[in-house]
C-alpha atoms as a PDB file:
ATOM      1  CA  UNK A   1       0.000   0.000   0.000  1.00  0.00           C
ATOM      2  CA  UNK A   2       1.103   3.549  -0.615  1.00  0.00           C
ATOM      3  CA  UNK A   3       2.387   5.936   2.008  1.00  0.00           C
ATOM      4  CA  UNK A   4       0.501   9.019   3.200  1.00  0.00           C
ATOM      5  CA  UNK A   5       2.370  12.093   4.331  1.00  0.00           C
ATOM      6  CA  UNK A   6       0.433  14.650   6.388  1.00  0.00           C
ATOM      7  CA  UNK A   7       2.060  17.947   7.307  1.00  0.00           C
ATOM      8  CA  UNK A   8       1.549  21.439   8.682  1.00  0.00           C
ATOM      9  CA  UNK A   9       3.641  24.380   7.510  1.00  0.00           C
ATOM     10  CA  UNK A  10       3.793  28.006   8.505  1.00  0.00           C
ATOM     11  CA  UNK A  11       6.550  29.436   6.314  1.00  0.00           C
ATOM     12  CA  UNK A  12       6.779  26.754   3.631  1.00  0.00           C
ATOM     13  CA  UNK A  13       9.905  25.013   4.957  1.00  0.00           C
ATOM     14  CA  UNK A  14       8.054  21.930   6.193  1.00  0.00           C
ATOM     15  CA  UNK A  15       6.006  21.818   2.994  1.00  0.00           C
ATOM     16  CA  UNK A  16       9.223  21.773   0.932  1.00  0.00           C
ATOM     17  CA  UNK A  17      10.520  18.939   3.125  1.00  0.00           C
ATOM     18  CA  UNK A  18       7.244  17.049   2.642  1.00  0.00           C
ATOM     19  CA  UNK A  19       7.473  17.076  -1.136  1.00  0.00           C
ATOM     20  CA  UNK A  20      11.162  16.153  -1.061  1.00  0.00           C
ATOM     21  CA  UNK A  21      10.406  13.207   1.254  1.00  0.00           C
ATOM     22  CA  UNK A  22       7.603  12.139  -1.100  1.00  0.00           C
ATOM     23  CA  UNK A  23      10.120  12.249  -3.964  1.00  0.00           C
ATOM     24  CA  UNK A  24      12.329   9.930  -1.904  1.00  0.00           C
ATOM     25  CA  UNK A  25       9.450   7.486  -1.443  1.00  0.00           C
ATOM     26  CA  UNK A  26       8.857   7.540  -5.203  1.00  0.00           C
ATOM     27  CA  UNK A  27      12.567   7.150  -5.994  1.00  0.00           C
ATOM     28  CA  UNK A  28      12.529   4.104  -3.742  1.00  0.00           C
ATOM     29  CA  UNK A  29       9.728   2.595  -5.818  1.00  0.00           C
ATOM     30  CA  UNK A  30       6.770   3.521  -3.626  1.00  0.00           C
ATOM     31  CA  UNK A  31       3.799   5.828  -3.953  1.00  0.00           C
ATOM     32  CA  UNK A  32       3.135   8.736  -1.615  1.00  0.00           C
ATOM     33  CA  UNK A  33       0.078  10.922  -1.155  1.00  0.00           C
ATOM     34  CA  UNK A  34       0.950  14.333   0.326  1.00  0.00           C
ATOM     35  CA  UNK A  35      -1.797  16.138   2.280  1.00  0.00           C
ATOM     36  CA  UNK A  36      -1.874  19.349   4.326  1.00  0.00           C
ATOM     37  CA  UNK A  37      -3.231  18.599   7.782  1.00  0.00           C
ATOM     38  CA  UNK A  38      -6.093  21.040   7.187  1.00  0.00           C
ATOM     39  CA  UNK A  39      -7.227  18.781   4.306  1.00  0.00           C
ATOM     40  CA  UNK A  40      -6.477  15.441   5.980  1.00  0.00           C
ATOM     41  CA  UNK A  41      -9.195  12.964   6.880  1.00  0.00           C
ATOM     42  CA  UNK A  42      -8.485  11.079  10.103  1.00  0.00           C
ATOM     43  CA  UNK A  43      -9.951   7.717   9.042  1.00  0.00           C
ATOM     44  CA  UNK A  44      -8.412   7.845   5.571  1.00  0.00           C
ATOM     45  CA  UNK A  45      -5.008   8.607   7.101  1.00  0.00           C
ATOM     46  CA  UNK A  46      -5.358   5.795   9.641  1.00  0.00           C
ATOM     47  CA  UNK A  47      -6.169   3.319   6.851  1.00  0.00           C
ATOM     48  CA  UNK A  48      -2.614   3.573   5.470  1.00  0.00           C
ATOM     49  CA  UNK A  49       0.040   1.147   6.702  1.00  0.00           C
ATOM     50  CA  UNK A  50       2.815   3.741   6.238  1.00  0.00           C
ATOM     51  CA  UNK A  51       2.240   7.204   7.668  1.00  0.00           C
ATOM     52  CA  UNK A  52       4.681  10.109   7.683  1.00  0.00           C
ATOM     53  CA  UNK A  53       3.805  13.154   9.774  1.00  0.00           C
ATOM     54  CA  UNK A  54       5.484  16.550   9.576  1.00  0.00           C
ATOM     55  CA  UNK A  55       5.330  19.604  11.786  1.00  0.00           C
ATOM     56  CA  UNK A  56       7.895  22.315  12.493  1.00  0.00           C
ATOM     57  CA  UNK A  57       8.915  23.364  15.978  1.00  0.00           C
ATOM     58  CA  UNK A  58       6.556  26.037  17.244  1.00  0.00           C
ATOM     59  CA  UNK A  59       6.578  28.266  20.316  1.00  0.00           C
ATOM     60  CA  UNK A  60       8.709  26.728  23.025  1.00  0.00           C
ATOM     61  CA  UNK A  61       9.607  23.714  20.846  1.00  0.00           C
ATOM     62  CA  UNK A  62       6.178  22.133  20.532  1.00  0.00           C
ATOM     63  CA  UNK A  63       3.798  20.945  17.809  1.00  0.00           C
ATOM     64  CA  UNK A  64       1.590  23.536  16.115  1.00  0.00           C
ATOM     65  CA  UNK A  65      -1.448  23.660  18.410  1.00  0.00           C
ATOM     66  CA  UNK A  66      -4.458  24.781  16.356  1.00  0.00           C
ATOM     67  CA  UNK A  67      -4.469  22.230  13.506  1.00  0.00           C
ATOM     68  CA  UNK A  68      -1.650  19.718  13.816  1.00  0.00           C
ATOM     69  CA  UNK A  69      -1.772  18.903  17.536  1.00  0.00           C
ATOM     70  CA  UNK A  70      -5.521  18.126  17.551  1.00  0.00           C
ATOM     71  CA  UNK A  71      -5.151  15.972  14.416  1.00  0.00           C
ATOM     72  CA  UNK A  72      -2.161  14.106  15.824  1.00  0.00           C
ATOM     73  CA  UNK A  73      -3.860  13.581  19.202  1.00  0.00           C
ATOM     74  CA  UNK A  74      -6.841  11.971  17.456  1.00  0.00           C
ATOM     75  CA  UNK A  75      -4.595   9.912  15.144  1.00  0.00           C
ATOM     76  CA  UNK A  76      -2.096   8.692  17.742  1.00  0.00           C
ATOM     77  CA  UNK A  77      -4.250   5.849  19.148  1.00  0.00           C
ATOM     78  CA  UNK A  78      -4.819   4.609  15.590  1.00  0.00           C
ATOM     79  CA  UNK A  79      -1.097   4.341  14.776  1.00  0.00           C
ATOM     80  CA  UNK A  80      -0.340   1.033  16.483  1.00  0.00           C
ATOM     81  CA  UNK A  81       0.921  -1.522  13.984  1.00  0.00           C
ATOM     82  CA  UNK A  82       1.734   1.159  11.403  1.00  0.00           C
ATOM     83  CA  UNK A  83       5.092   2.191   9.982  1.00  0.00           C
ATOM     84  CA  UNK A  84       5.431   5.789  11.153  1.00  0.00           C
ATOM     85  CA  UNK A  85       7.896   8.574  10.417  1.00  0.00           C
ATOM     86  CA  UNK A  86       8.089  12.017  12.015  1.00  0.00           C
ATOM     87  CA  UNK A  87       9.784  15.065  10.501  1.00  0.00           C
ATOM     88  CA  UNK A  88       9.985  18.808  10.704  1.00  0.00           C
ATOM     89  CA  UNK A  89      12.110  21.909  10.592  1.00  0.00           C
ATOM     90  CA  UNK A  90      13.238  24.424  13.177  1.00  0.00           C
ATOM     91  CA  UNK A  91      14.970  27.782  13.416  1.00  0.00           C
ATOM     92  CA  UNK A  92      15.929  27.822  17.072  1.00  0.00           C
ATOM     93  CA  UNK A  93      16.599  25.418  19.907  1.00  0.00           C
ATOM     94  CA  UNK A  94      18.149  22.008  19.464  1.00  0.00           C
ATOM     95  CA  UNK A  95      15.326  19.827  18.166  1.00  0.00           C
ATOM     96  CA  UNK A  96      13.796  19.100  21.568  1.00  0.00           C
ATOM     97  CA  UNK A  97      10.276  19.156  20.094  1.00  0.00           C
ATOM     98  CA  UNK A  98      11.147  16.150  17.914  1.00  0.00           C
ATOM     99  CA  UNK A  99      12.613  14.173  20.812  1.00  0.00           C
ATOM    100  CA  UNK A 100       9.488  14.923  22.858  1.00  0.00           C
ATOM    101  CA  UNK A 101       7.197  14.009  19.941  1.00  0.00           C
ATOM    102  CA  UNK A 102       9.032  10.726  19.332  1.00  0.00           C
ATOM    103  CA  UNK A 103       8.909   9.831  23.037  1.00  0.00           C
ATOM    104  CA  UNK A 104       5.222  10.707  23.207  1.00  0.00           C
ATOM    105  CA  UNK A 105       4.512   8.467  20.203  1.00  0.00           C
ATOM    106  CA  UNK A 106       6.573   5.576  21.544  1.00  0.00           C
ATOM    107  CA  UNK A 107       4.987   5.918  25.009  1.00  0.00           C
ATOM    108  CA  UNK A 108       1.618   5.537  23.229  1.00  0.00           C
ATOM    109  CA  UNK A 109       2.789   2.289  21.603  1.00  0.00           C
ATOM    110  CA  UNK A 110       3.617   3.758  18.194  1.00  0.00           C
ATOM    111  CA  UNK A 111       6.576   2.196  16.411  1.00  0.00           C
ATOM    112  CA  UNK A 112       8.511   5.130  14.926  1.00  0.00           C
ATOM    113  CA  UNK A 113      10.682   3.898  12.051  1.00  0.00           C
ATOM    114  CA  UNK A 114      12.663   7.141  11.883  1.00  0.00           C
ATOM    115  CA  UNK A 115      12.638  10.875  12.536  1.00  0.00           C
ATOM    116  CA  UNK A 116      14.121  13.715  10.527  1.00  0.00           C
ATOM    117  CA  UNK A 117      14.772  17.254  11.670  1.00  0.00           C
ATOM    118  CA  UNK A 118      16.223  19.883   9.391  1.00  0.00           C
ATOM    119  CA  UNK A 119      17.264  23.372  10.392  1.00  0.00           C
ATOM    120  CA  UNK A 120      15.277  25.540   8.004  1.00  0.00           C
ATOM    121  CA  UNK A 121      18.375  27.389   6.809  1.00  0.00           C
ATOM    122  CA  UNK A 122      19.685  24.117   5.406  1.00  0.00           C
ATOM    123  CA  UNK A 123      18.390  22.490   2.243  1.00  0.00           C
ATOM    124  CA  UNK A 124      18.302  18.952   3.641  1.00  0.00           C
ATOM    125  CA  UNK A 125      17.664  17.477   0.170  1.00  0.00           C
ATOM    126  CA  UNK A 126      19.919  14.434   0.552  1.00  0.00           C
ATOM    127  CA  UNK A 127      18.517  13.721   4.015  1.00  0.00           C
ATOM    128  CA  UNK A 128      14.898  14.012   2.918  1.00  0.00           C
ATOM    129  CA  UNK A 129      15.350  11.736  -0.098  1.00  0.00           C
ATOM    130  CA  UNK A 130      17.046   9.089   2.050  1.00  0.00           C
ATOM    131  CA  UNK A 131      14.328   9.434   4.710  1.00  0.00           C
ATOM    132  CA  UNK A 132      11.597   8.993   2.085  1.00  0.00           C
ATOM    133  CA  UNK A 133      13.215   5.901   0.607  1.00  0.00           C
ATOM    134  CA  UNK A 134      12.820   4.161   3.973  1.00  0.00           C
ATOM    135  CA  UNK A 135       9.046   4.264   3.427  1.00  0.00           C
ATOM    136  CA  UNK A 136       9.050   2.989  -0.164  1.00  0.00           C
END
């Protein structure tokens, strides 16, 4: 089955990462549907076996709280048995939001295949392609 990638972006950095990751999935021989979280359907997302989720660090290194956090909170219990990847970008801090997000997911019984964080000033193209290929 194909992979779904659901993301939230504020400045476009995470969106650029999303499409580059999807290219990696395709280069690896897979298919990937890319969806903004505002357009994502919870049950449709949960039906995929491979799910990649992307959100940049916001505020004090946390997930975006008006769209992404509510979607992820509803999706998290449905992620058991799925192949899951987490990614995002940041401008400040040291990536703590990703470590907290990964721990939260794993504490909920989610098996996280991999995470990817890219400082927004970097291109991250090689990293995103390689990350995407893991979900092909």
